[in-house]
Amino acid sequence: MDETPDEGLGGVVPFRFNCHRCGNCCTRGAGHVWLEEGEPERLARRLDMTLEAFLHLHVRTVQDPRTGAMRRSLRAGEPAAGGRCVLLEGTNHCSVYTDRPRHCGTFPYWPSVLDDEAGFERARAVCPGIAVQPDQATRAAAFARLAALYREVDEFIERANPVCITRGVCCRFEDAGHELYATGLEADYAAECQPVAPPPEAAGRCPYHVRGRCTARAGRPLGCRTYFCDTRTRSVLEEAHEHFLAELRRIELETGYPVAYARFPALLAGRGVGSGGTRAEAPDPCRIAGEAP
């Protein structure tokens, strides 16, 4: 696991952050991207524009609501732009990433997020990379209920009897044409079960998928447990998935577990899983929260 201190752990709501490259912070809501001294010039050079042209096309001068001072800001968050930053390409590609403003580069470690609970909640509503750190009592209670839910899911799957020929295609997301989403609770549980994994074998792939096999089946999320290539049972399993997902949401609500939902590999990366290291050929099964080996 990555032991590098995260500045967010000292916030009014302790959190860890790992950017998912989703582009949400560049496309949603209204706000300002403040430009500091020298940044317009640097951005203009990066875009091969004159400073005058850059200022005309991409910068506005507005009043800072906190201080009342007039400041330069990128034309981001304007209603006419749908909340998008003017320098964003596609859904999530920053055209000036290595030269982006300091205001962008320091998100979400802003005073308004670190020091104000309402500001934190606004940031968390936009950014799936913000992972709230629940206390141990909350983790234990939620993990125990999640383990019980997974046993219920597995019993249902056994009764439905879908066929799996262990090709591993479903875990090669780029080949299967789908992505695996999970809750933050599931990612925390998986990381507790199996904290060490090698780097993913392909971009965006689950780090637990090693040489065609899942190496962390005890802690795998709901989406893995209910997905099978068997077309005979697909509709039944899709309906079951929605039912069990609702139950999972109930666990979050009733235990007060922080709500998050994003791509499973990205959630694992934010918890330090898949950053390197080695794993045993036959790892110990998950033994937390009463999970049977």
C-alpha atoms as a PDB file:
ATOM      1  CA  MET A   1       0.000   0.000   0.000  1.00  0.00           C
ATOM      2  CA  ASP A   2       1.135   3.594  -0.637  1.00  0.00           C
ATOM      3  CA  GLU A   3       2.156   5.118   2.706  1.00  0.00           C
ATOM      4  CA  THR A   4       2.736   8.661   1.385  1.00  0.00           C
ATOM      5  CA  PRO A   5       0.893  11.087   3.692  1.00  0.00           C
ATOM      6  CA  ASP A   6      -2.175  12.607   2.085  1.00  0.00           C
ATOM      7  CA  GLU A   7      -2.872  16.242   2.930  1.00  0.00           C
ATOM      8  CA  GLY A   8      -6.573  15.440   2.869  1.00  0.00           C
ATOM      9  CA  LEU A   9      -6.249  13.332   6.032  1.00  0.00           C
ATOM     10  CA  GLY A  10      -5.882  16.586   7.961  1.00  0.00           C
ATOM     11  CA  GLY A  11      -9.067  18.086   6.560  1.00  0.00           C
ATOM     12  CA  VAL A  12     -12.288  18.784   8.434  1.00  0.00           C
ATOM     13  CA  VAL A  13     -13.501  15.543   6.815  1.00  0.00           C
ATOM     14  CA  PRO A  14     -10.458  13.237   6.479  1.00  0.00           C
ATOM     15  CA  PHE A  15      -9.990  11.878   2.958  1.00  0.00           C
ATOM     16  CA  ARG A  16      -7.503  10.439   0.515  1.00  0.00           C
ATOM     17  CA  PHE A  17      -7.368  11.528  -3.104  1.00  0.00           C
ATOM     18  CA  ASN A  18      -6.453   9.749  -6.317  1.00  0.00           C
ATOM     19  CA  CYS A  19      -7.307  11.367  -9.652  1.00  0.00           C
ATOM     20  CA  HIS A  20      -9.504   9.137 -11.834  1.00  0.00           C
ATOM     21  CA  ARG A  21      -9.009  11.287 -14.970  1.00  0.00           C
ATOM     22  CA  CYS A  22     -12.797  11.512 -15.259  1.00  0.00           C
ATOM     23  CA  GLY A  23     -12.826  15.210 -16.137  1.00  0.00           C
ATOM     24  CA  ASN A  24     -15.681  15.985 -13.743  1.00  0.00           C
ATOM     25  CA  CYS A  25     -13.807  18.833 -12.078  1.00  0.00           C
ATOM     26  CA  CYS A  26     -13.302  20.440 -15.495  1.00  0.00           C
ATOM     27  CA  THR A  27     -16.859  20.048 -16.742  1.00  0.00           C
ATOM     28  CA  ARG A  28     -19.361  20.324 -13.908  1.00  0.00           C
ATOM     29  CA  GLY A  29     -20.883  23.253 -12.130  1.00  0.00           C
ATOM     30  CA  ALA A  30     -20.054  26.921 -11.944  1.00  0.00           C
ATOM     31  CA  GLY A  31     -16.934  28.428 -10.460  1.00  0.00           C
ATOM     32  CA  HIS A  32     -13.617  30.083 -11.166  1.00  0.00           C
ATOM     33  CA  VAL A  33     -10.166  28.921 -12.219  1.00  0.00           C
ATOM     34  CA  TRP A  34      -8.024  31.729 -10.866  1.00  0.00           C
ATOM     35  CA  LEU A  35      -4.863  32.673 -12.755  1.00  0.00           C
ATOM     36  CA  GLU A  36      -1.764  33.716 -10.861  1.00  0.00           C
ATOM     37  CA  GLU A  37       0.984  36.062 -11.982  1.00  0.00           C
ATOM     38  CA  GLY A  38       2.760  34.723 -15.075  1.00  0.00           C
ATOM     39  CA  GLU A  39       0.260  31.947 -15.794  1.00  0.00           C
ATOM     40  CA  PRO A  40      -1.520  33.639 -18.739  1.00  0.00           C
ATOM     41  CA  GLU A  41       1.850  34.122 -20.430  1.00  0.00           C
ATOM     42  CA  ARG A  42       2.831  30.479 -19.847  1.00  0.00           C
ATOM     43  CA  LEU A  43      -0.490  29.169 -21.124  1.00  0.00           C
ATOM     44  CA  ALA A  44      -0.338  31.408 -24.205  1.00  0.00           C
ATOM     45  CA  ARG A  45       3.104  30.018 -25.068  1.00  0.00           C
ATOM     46  CA  ARG A  46       1.864  26.473 -24.575  1.00  0.00           C
ATOM     47  CA  LEU A  47      -1.002  27.076 -27.007  1.00  0.00           C
ATOM     48  CA  ASP A  48       1.267  28.942 -29.441  1.00  0.00           C
ATOM     49  CA  MET A  49      -0.841  32.084 -29.120  1.00  0.00           C
ATOM     50  CA  THR A  50      -0.059  35.707 -28.480  1.00  0.00           C
ATOM     51  CA  LEU A  51      -0.832  36.867 -24.978  1.00  0.00           C
ATOM     52  CA  GLU A  52      -3.423  39.297 -26.327  1.00  0.00           C
ATOM     53  CA  ALA A  53      -5.254  36.550 -28.230  1.00  0.00           C
ATOM     54  CA  PHE A  54      -5.181  34.200 -25.243  1.00  0.00           C
ATOM     55  CA  LEU A  55      -6.586  36.844 -22.913  1.00  0.00           C
ATOM     56  CA  HIS A  56      -9.321  37.736 -25.383  1.00  0.00           C
ATOM     57  CA  LEU A  57     -10.431  34.154 -26.046  1.00  0.00           C
ATOM     58  CA  HIS A  58      -9.863  32.362 -22.761  1.00  0.00           C
ATOM     59  CA  VAL A  59      -9.734  34.805 -19.853  1.00  0.00           C
ATOM     60  CA  ARG A  60     -12.282  36.904 -18.030  1.00  0.00           C
ATOM     61  CA  THR A  61     -11.814  39.418 -15.206  1.00  0.00           C
ATOM     62  CA  VAL A  62     -14.293  38.879 -12.400  1.00  0.00           C
ATOM     63  CA  GLN A  63     -14.728  39.753  -8.752  1.00  0.00           C
ATOM     64  CA  ASP A  64     -13.393  37.262  -6.214  1.00  0.00           C
ATOM     65  CA  PRO A  65     -16.454  36.571  -4.012  1.00  0.00           C
ATOM     66  CA  ARG A  66     -14.194  36.001  -0.998  1.00  0.00           C
ATOM     67  CA  THR A  67     -12.157  39.217  -1.136  1.00  0.00           C
ATOM     68  CA  GLY A  68     -14.009  41.521  -3.507  1.00  0.00           C
ATOM     69  CA  ALA A  69     -10.844  42.004  -5.574  1.00  0.00           C
ATOM     70  CA  MET A  70     -10.954  41.812  -9.366  1.00  0.00           C
ATOM     71  CA  ARG A  71      -8.999  38.800 -10.640  1.00  0.00           C
ATOM     72  CA  ARG A  72      -8.287  36.965 -13.863  1.00  0.00           C
ATOM     73  CA  SER A  73      -9.994  33.615 -14.349  1.00  0.00           C
ATOM     74  CA  LEU A  74     -10.221  31.110 -17.170  1.00  0.00           C
ATOM     75  CA  ARG A  75     -13.544  31.077 -18.959  1.00  0.00           C
ATOM     76  CA  ALA A  76     -14.634  27.972 -17.068  1.00  0.00           C
ATOM     77  CA  GLY A  77     -17.908  27.313 -15.368  1.00  0.00           C
ATOM     78  CA  GLU A  78     -19.834  29.832 -17.473  1.00  0.00           C
ATOM     79  CA  PRO A  79     -23.449  28.802 -18.219  1.00  0.00           C
ATOM     80  CA  ALA A  80     -22.883  29.290 -21.960  1.00  0.00           C
ATOM     81  CA  ALA A  81     -20.079  26.732 -21.810  1.00  0.00           C
ATOM     82  CA  GLY A  82     -22.131  24.262 -19.797  1.00  0.00           C
ATOM     83  CA  GLY A  83     -19.611  24.450 -16.971  1.00  0.00           C
ATOM     84  CA  ARG A  84     -16.731  23.210 -19.154  1.00  0.00           C
ATOM     85  CA  CYS A  85     -13.245  24.628 -19.011  1.00  0.00           C
ATOM     86  CA  VAL A  86     -12.418  26.257 -22.346  1.00  0.00           C
ATOM     87  CA  LEU A  87      -9.076  24.427 -22.466  1.00  0.00           C
ATOM     88  CA  LEU A  88     -10.588  20.960 -22.150  1.00  0.00           C
ATOM     89  CA  GLU A  89     -10.524  18.655 -25.177  1.00  0.00           C
ATOM     90  CA  GLY A  90     -13.102  15.867 -25.364  1.00  0.00           C
ATOM     91  CA  THR A  91     -14.410  14.662 -22.022  1.00  0.00           C
ATOM     92  CA  ASN A  92     -11.267  14.509 -19.939  1.00  0.00           C
ATOM     93  CA  HIS A  93      -8.151  15.715 -21.792  1.00  0.00           C
ATOM     94  CA  CYS A  94      -6.568  18.947 -20.556  1.00  0.00           C
ATOM     95  CA  SER A  95      -4.823  20.567 -23.509  1.00  0.00           C
ATOM     96  CA  VAL A  96      -2.359  22.351 -21.183  1.00  0.00           C
ATOM     97  CA  TYR A  97      -2.011  19.730 -18.445  1.00  0.00           C
ATOM     98  CA  THR A  98       1.704  20.104 -17.662  1.00  0.00           C
ATOM     99  CA  ASP A  99       1.306  23.900 -17.656  1.00  0.00           C
ATOM    100  CA  ARG A 100      -2.137  24.062 -16.055  1.00  0.00           C
ATOM    101  CA  PRO A 101      -2.848  26.787 -13.500  1.00  0.00           C
ATOM    102  CA  ARG A 102      -1.817  26.179  -9.913  1.00  0.00           C
ATOM    103  CA  HIS A 103      -5.489  26.426  -8.963  1.00  0.00           C
ATOM    104  CA  CYS A 104      -6.169  23.283 -11.031  1.00  0.00           C
ATOM    105  CA  GLY A 105      -3.082  21.423  -9.886  1.00  0.00           C
ATOM    106  CA  THR A 106      -3.858  21.801  -6.185  1.00  0.00           C
ATOM    107  CA  PHE A 107      -7.444  20.464  -6.345  1.00  0.00           C
ATOM    108  CA  PRO A 108      -8.920  19.145  -4.062  1.00  0.00           C
ATOM    109  CA  TYR A 109      -6.464  20.452  -1.468  1.00  0.00           C
ATOM    110  CA  TRP A 110      -8.086  23.887  -1.366  1.00  0.00           C
ATOM    111  CA  PRO A 111      -8.818  25.685   1.928  1.00  0.00           C
ATOM    112  CA  SER A 112     -12.487  25.708   0.944  1.00  0.00           C
ATOM    113  CA  VAL A 113     -12.397  21.894   0.806  1.00  0.00           C
ATOM    114  CA  LEU A 114     -10.002  21.176   3.672  1.00  0.00           C
ATOM    115  CA  ASP A 115     -11.473  23.632   6.155  1.00  0.00           C
ATOM    116  CA  ASP A 116     -15.181  23.757   5.358  1.00  0.00           C
ATOM    117  CA  GLU A 117     -17.444  20.711   5.542  1.00  0.00           C
ATOM    118  CA  ALA A 118     -19.974  22.165   3.093  1.00  0.00           C
ATOM    119  CA  GLY A 119     -17.185  22.926   0.635  1.00  0.00           C
ATOM    120  CA  PHE A 120     -15.848  19.411   1.063  1.00  0.00           C
ATOM    121  CA  GLU A 121     -19.254  17.893   0.289  1.00  0.00           C
ATOM    122  CA  ARG A 122     -19.540  20.005  -2.861  1.00  0.00           C
ATOM    123  CA  ALA A 123     -16.146  18.755  -4.031  1.00  0.00           C
ATOM    124  CA  ARG A 124     -16.951  15.130  -3.172  1.00  0.00           C
ATOM    125  CA  ALA A 125     -20.216  15.311  -5.116  1.00  0.00           C
ATOM    126  CA  VAL A 126     -18.171  16.096  -8.241  1.00  0.00           C
ATOM    127  CA  CYS A 127     -15.000  14.058  -7.733  1.00  0.00           C
ATOM    128  CA  PRO A 128     -15.018  10.239  -7.376  1.00  0.00           C
ATOM    129  CA  GLY A 129     -11.315  10.358  -6.533  1.00  0.00           C
ATOM    130  CA  ILE A 130     -12.051  11.796  -3.088  1.00  0.00           C
ATOM    131  CA  ALA A 131     -12.253   8.843  -0.700  1.00  0.00           C
ATOM    132  CA  VAL A 132     -13.524   9.607   2.791  1.00  0.00           C
ATOM    133  CA  GLN A 133     -11.722   7.650   5.514  1.00  0.00           C
ATOM    134  CA  PRO A 134     -14.371   6.048   7.758  1.00  0.00           C
ATOM    135  CA  ASP A 135     -13.510   5.196  11.363  1.00  0.00           C
ATOM    136  CA  GLN A 136     -12.728   1.619  12.349  1.00  0.00           C
ATOM    137  CA  ALA A 137     -16.111   0.973  13.979  1.00  0.00           C
ATOM    138  CA  THR A 138     -17.928   2.036  10.809  1.00  0.00           C
ATOM    139  CA  ARG A 139     -15.602  -0.078   8.643  1.00  0.00           C
ATOM    140  CA  ALA A 140     -16.094  -3.157  10.829  1.00  0.00           C
ATOM    141  CA  ALA A 141     -19.881  -2.860  10.830  1.00  0.00           C
ATOM    142  CA  ALA A 142     -20.116  -2.239   7.077  1.00  0.00           C
ATOM    143  CA  PHE A 143     -17.591  -4.967   6.208  1.00  0.00           C
ATOM    144  CA  ALA A 144     -19.485  -7.543   8.265  1.00  0.00           C
ATOM    145  CA  ARG A 145     -22.746  -6.732   6.494  1.00  0.00           C
ATOM    146  CA  LEU A 146     -21.067  -6.660   3.087  1.00  0.00           C
ATOM    147  CA  ALA A 147     -19.525 -10.091   3.708  1.00  0.00           C
ATOM    148  CA  ALA A 148     -22.994 -11.418   4.571  1.00  0.00           C
ATOM    149  CA  LEU A 149     -24.447  -9.839   1.428  1.00  0.00           C
ATOM    150  CA  TYR A 150     -21.736 -11.404  -0.720  1.00  0.00           C
ATOM    151  CA  ARG A 151     -22.570 -14.831   0.740  1.00  0.00           C
ATOM    152  CA  GLU A 152     -26.198 -14.237  -0.183  1.00  0.00           C
ATOM    153  CA  VAL A 153     -25.162 -13.226  -3.702  1.00  0.00           C
ATOM    154  CA  ASP A 154     -23.002 -16.314  -4.110  1.00  0.00           C
ATOM    155  CA  GLU A 155     -25.830 -18.560  -2.934  1.00  0.00           C
ATOM    156  CA  PHE A 156     -28.135 -16.958  -5.502  1.00  0.00           C
ATOM    157  CA  ILE A 157     -25.549 -17.474  -8.255  1.00  0.00           C
ATOM    158  CA  GLU A 158     -25.223 -21.122  -7.301  1.00  0.00           C
ATOM    159  CA  ARG A 159     -28.980 -21.576  -7.650  1.00  0.00           C
ATOM    160  CA  ALA A 160     -29.075 -19.684 -10.980  1.00  0.00           C
ATOM    161  CA  ASN A 161     -26.274 -21.972 -12.198  1.00  0.00           C
ATOM    162  CA  PRO A 162     -24.728 -19.796 -14.958  1.00  0.00           C
ATOM    163  CA  VAL A 163     -21.892 -21.385 -16.907  1.00  0.00           C
ATOM    164  CA  CYS A 164     -18.377 -19.964 -16.601  1.00  0.00           C
ATOM    165  CA  ILE A 165     -15.582 -21.475 -18.672  1.00  0.00           C
ATOM    166  CA  THR A 166     -12.928 -19.264 -16.993  1.00  0.00           C
ATOM    167  CA  ARG A 167     -11.691 -17.584 -20.150  1.00  0.00           C
ATOM    168  CA  GLY A 168     -11.051 -14.357 -18.258  1.00  0.00           C
ATOM    169  CA  VAL A 169     -12.514 -12.266 -21.072  1.00  0.00           C
ATOM    170  CA  CYS A 170     -14.883 -10.437 -18.734  1.00  0.00           C
ATOM    171  CA  CYS A 171     -11.853  -9.078 -16.839  1.00  0.00           C
ATOM    172  CA  ARG A 172     -10.131  -7.845 -19.991  1.00  0.00           C
ATOM    173  CA  PHE A 173     -12.327  -4.784 -20.194  1.00  0.00           C
ATOM    174  CA  GLU A 174     -10.793  -3.507 -23.424  1.00  0.00           C
ATOM    175  CA  ASP A 175     -11.736  -6.802 -25.143  1.00  0.00           C
ATOM    176  CA  ALA A 176     -15.124  -7.275 -23.501  1.00  0.00           C
ATOM    177  CA  GLY A 177     -16.246  -3.740 -24.294  1.00  0.00           C
ATOM    178  CA  HIS A 178     -17.396  -2.917 -20.782  1.00  0.00           C
ATOM    179  CA  GLU A 179     -16.083  -1.418 -17.548  1.00  0.00           C
ATOM    180  CA  LEU A 180     -16.359  -2.550 -13.949  1.00  0.00           C
ATOM    181  CA  TYR A 181     -17.900  -0.088 -11.508  1.00  0.00           C
ATOM    182  CA  ALA A 182     -18.074  -0.550  -7.745  1.00  0.00           C
ATOM    183  CA  THR A 183     -18.799   1.341  -4.563  1.00  0.00           C
ATOM    184  CA  GLY A 184     -16.140   2.792  -2.314  1.00  0.00           C
ATOM    185  CA  LEU A 185     -17.215   0.313   0.359  1.00  0.00           C
ATOM    186  CA  GLU A 186     -16.501  -2.588  -1.989  1.00  0.00           C
ATOM    187  CA  ALA A 187     -13.112  -1.165  -2.930  1.00  0.00           C
ATOM    188  CA  ASP A 188     -12.183  -0.696   0.734  1.00  0.00           C
ATOM    189  CA  TYR A 189     -13.262  -4.267   1.470  1.00  0.00           C
ATOM    190  CA  ALA A 190     -11.283  -5.670  -1.463  1.00  0.00           C
ATOM    191  CA  ALA A 191      -8.200  -3.677  -0.471  1.00  0.00           C
ATOM    192  CA  GLU A 192      -8.490  -4.985   3.092  1.00  0.00           C
ATOM    193  CA  CYS A 193      -8.836  -8.546   1.821  1.00  0.00           C
ATOM    194  CA  GLN A 194      -5.937  -8.304  -0.615  1.00  0.00           C
ATOM    195  CA  PRO A 195      -3.880  -5.122  -0.199  1.00  0.00           C
ATOM    196  CA  VAL A 196      -1.033  -6.101  -2.545  1.00  0.00           C
ATOM    197  CA  ALA A 197      -1.277  -6.629  -6.295  1.00  0.00           C
ATOM    198  CA  PRO A 198       1.031  -6.116  -9.258  1.00  0.00           C
ATOM    199  CA  PRO A 199       0.468  -3.226 -11.655  1.00  0.00           C
ATOM    200  CA  PRO A 200      -2.472  -3.849 -14.031  1.00  0.00           C
ATOM    201  CA  GLU A 201      -1.555  -5.890 -17.114  1.00  0.00           C
ATOM    202  CA  ALA A 202      -3.236  -3.274 -19.334  1.00  0.00           C
ATOM    203  CA  ALA A 203      -4.419   0.295 -18.922  1.00  0.00           C
ATOM    204  CA  GLY A 204      -7.673   0.473 -16.962  1.00  0.00           C
ATOM    205  CA  ARG A 205      -7.657  -3.221 -16.105  1.00  0.00           C
ATOM    206  CA  CYS A 206      -8.162  -4.641 -12.614  1.00  0.00           C
ATOM    207  CA  PRO A 207      -4.796  -5.322 -10.921  1.00  0.00           C
ATOM    208  CA  TYR A 208      -6.197  -8.512  -9.413  1.00  0.00           C
ATOM    209  CA  HIS A 209      -6.520 -10.006 -12.917  1.00  0.00           C
ATOM    210  CA  VAL A 210      -3.198 -11.823 -13.313  1.00  0.00           C
ATOM    211  CA  ARG A 211      -2.394 -14.134 -16.219  1.00  0.00           C
ATOM    212  CA  GLY A 212      -6.066 -14.656 -17.014  1.00  0.00           C
ATOM    213  CA  ARG A 213      -7.267 -15.409 -13.494  1.00  0.00           C
ATOM    214  CA  CYS A 214      -8.753 -13.436 -10.610  1.00  0.00           C
ATOM    215  CA  THR A 215      -6.349 -13.472  -7.673  1.00  0.00           C
ATOM    216  CA  ALA A 216      -8.708 -11.887  -5.135  1.00  0.00           C
ATOM    217  CA  ARG A 217     -12.001 -13.711  -5.500  1.00  0.00           C
ATOM    218  CA  ALA A 218     -12.954 -13.457  -1.824  1.00  0.00           C
ATOM    219  CA  GLY A 219     -13.054  -9.682  -1.985  1.00  0.00           C
ATOM    220  CA  ARG A 220     -14.265  -9.168  -5.546  1.00  0.00           C
ATOM    221  CA  PRO A 221     -17.146  -6.686  -5.968  1.00  0.00           C
ATOM    222  CA  LEU A 222     -20.786  -7.288  -6.821  1.00  0.00           C
ATOM    223  CA  GLY A 223     -20.284  -6.559 -10.525  1.00  0.00           C
ATOM    224  CA  CYS A 224     -17.835  -9.466 -10.782  1.00  0.00           C
ATOM    225  CA  ARG A 225     -20.084 -11.843  -8.862  1.00  0.00           C
ATOM    226  CA  THR A 226     -23.164 -11.258 -11.013  1.00  0.00           C
ATOM    227  CA  TYR A 227     -21.592 -11.014 -14.492  1.00  0.00           C
ATOM    228  CA  PHE A 228     -21.349 -14.131 -16.666  1.00  0.00           C
ATOM    229  CA  CYS A 229     -20.983 -14.555 -20.413  1.00  0.00           C
ATOM    230  CA  ASP A 230     -23.768 -17.176 -20.309  1.00  0.00           C
ATOM    231  CA  THR A 231     -26.618 -15.581 -22.274  1.00  0.00           C
ATOM    232  CA  ARG A 232     -29.194 -18.016 -20.807  1.00  0.00           C
ATOM    233  CA  THR A 233     -29.042 -16.386 -17.397  1.00  0.00           C
ATOM    234  CA  ARG A 234     -28.060 -12.832 -18.314  1.00  0.00           C
ATOM    235  CA  SER A 235     -31.448 -11.187 -17.774  1.00  0.00           C
ATOM    236  CA  VAL A 236     -31.944 -12.956 -14.444  1.00  0.00           C
ATOM    237  CA  LEU A 237     -28.504 -11.918 -13.242  1.00  0.00           C
ATOM    238  CA  GLU A 238     -28.937  -8.325 -14.396  1.00  0.00           C
ATOM    239  CA  GLU A 239     -32.158  -8.097 -12.381  1.00  0.00           C
ATOM    240  CA  ALA A 240     -30.448  -9.707  -9.393  1.00  0.00           C
ATOM    241  CA  HIS A 241     -27.562  -7.250  -9.664  1.00  0.00           C
ATOM    242  CA  GLU A 242     -29.898  -4.281  -9.303  1.00  0.00           C
ATOM    243  CA  HIS A 243     -31.556  -5.902  -6.290  1.00  0.00           C
ATOM    244  CA  PHE A 244     -28.264  -6.586  -4.539  1.00  0.00           C
ATOM    245  CA  LEU A 245     -26.909  -3.149  -5.435  1.00  0.00           C
ATOM    246  CA  ALA A 246     -29.916  -1.628  -3.664  1.00  0.00           C
ATOM    247  CA  GLU A 247     -29.086  -3.758  -0.634  1.00  0.00           C
ATOM    248  CA  LEU A 248     -25.501  -2.561  -0.798  1.00  0.00           C
ATOM    249  CA  ARG A 249     -26.731   1.028  -0.820  1.00  0.00           C
ATOM    250  CA  ARG A 250     -28.829   0.194   2.229  1.00  0.00           C
ATOM    251  CA  ILE A 251     -25.676  -0.954   4.044  1.00  0.00           C
ATOM    252  CA  GLU A 252     -24.011   2.369   3.241  1.00  0.00           C
ATOM    253  CA  LEU A 253     -27.021   4.308   4.477  1.00  0.00           C
ATOM    254  CA  GLU A 254     -27.589   2.367   7.678  1.00  0.00           C
ATOM    255  CA  THR A 255     -23.916   2.210   8.711  1.00  0.00           C
ATOM    256  CA  GLY A 256     -23.132   5.770   7.638  1.00  0.00           C
ATOM    257  CA  TYR A 257     -20.462   4.544   5.238  1.00  0.00           C
ATOM    258  CA  PRO A 258     -19.185   7.237   2.820  1.00  0.00           C
ATOM    259  CA  VAL A 259     -20.937   6.925  -0.537  1.00  0.00           C
ATOM    260  CA  ALA A 260     -18.805   6.620  -3.661  1.00  0.00           C
ATOM    261  CA  TYR A 261     -19.259   4.867  -7.002  1.00  0.00           C
ATOM    262  CA  ALA A 262     -16.629   4.735  -9.747  1.00  0.00           C
ATOM    263  CA  ARG A 263     -14.473   2.435 -11.879  1.00  0.00           C
ATOM    264  CA  PHE A 264     -13.165  -0.361  -9.666  1.00  0.00           C
ATOM    265  CA  PRO A 265      -9.542  -0.221 -10.924  1.00  0.00           C
ATOM    266  CA  ALA A 266      -9.418   3.523 -10.258  1.00  0.00           C
ATOM    267  CA  LEU A 267     -10.848   3.042  -6.770  1.00  0.00           C
ATOM    268  CA  LEU A 268      -8.215   0.392  -6.061  1.00  0.00           C
ATOM    269  CA  ALA A 269      -5.457   2.668  -7.331  1.00  0.00           C
ATOM    270  CA  GLY A 270      -6.611   5.319  -4.891  1.00  0.00           C
ATOM    271  CA  ARG A 271      -6.124   2.786  -2.105  1.00  0.00           C
ATOM    272  CA  GLY A 272      -2.634   1.880  -3.228  1.00  0.00           C
ATOM    273  CA  VAL A 273      -3.577  -1.468  -4.746  1.00  0.00           C
ATOM    274  CA  GLY A 274      -1.793  -2.255  -8.001  1.00  0.00           C
ATOM    275  CA  SER A 275       1.046   0.179  -7.455  1.00  0.00           C
ATOM    276  CA  GLY A 276       3.625  -2.592  -7.500  1.00  0.00           C
ATOM    277  CA  GLY A 277       5.024  -5.334  -5.333  1.00  0.00           C
ATOM    278  CA  THR A 278       4.580  -9.069  -5.531  1.00  0.00           C
ATOM    279  CA  ARG A 279       1.953 -11.467  -4.304  1.00  0.00           C
ATOM    280  CA  ALA A 280       2.060 -15.078  -3.298  1.00  0.00           C
ATOM    281  CA  GLU A 281       0.928 -17.668  -5.816  1.00  0.00           C
ATOM    282  CA  ALA A 282      -1.714 -18.878  -3.340  1.00  0.00           C
ATOM    283  CA  PRO A 283      -2.675 -15.859  -1.168  1.00  0.00           C
ATOM    284  CA  ASP A 284      -4.524 -16.349   2.076  1.00  0.00           C
ATOM    285  CA  PRO A 285      -8.288 -16.009   1.564  1.00  0.00           C
ATOM    286  CA  CYS A 286     -10.087 -13.016   3.004  1.00  0.00           C
ATOM    287  CA  ARG A 287     -10.659 -13.639   6.704  1.00  0.00           C
ATOM    288  CA  ILE A 288     -12.028 -10.287   7.788  1.00  0.00           C
ATOM    289  CA  ALA A 289     -15.572  -9.601   8.951  1.00  0.00           C
ATOM    290  CA  GLY A 290     -16.356 -13.285   9.304  1.00  0.00           C
ATOM    291  CA  GLU A 291     -15.770 -14.127   5.623  1.00  0.00           C
ATOM    292  CA  ALA A 292     -15.428 -17.879   5.333  1.00  0.00           C
ATOM    293  CA  PRO A 293     -12.206 -19.132   3.715  1.00  0.00           C
END
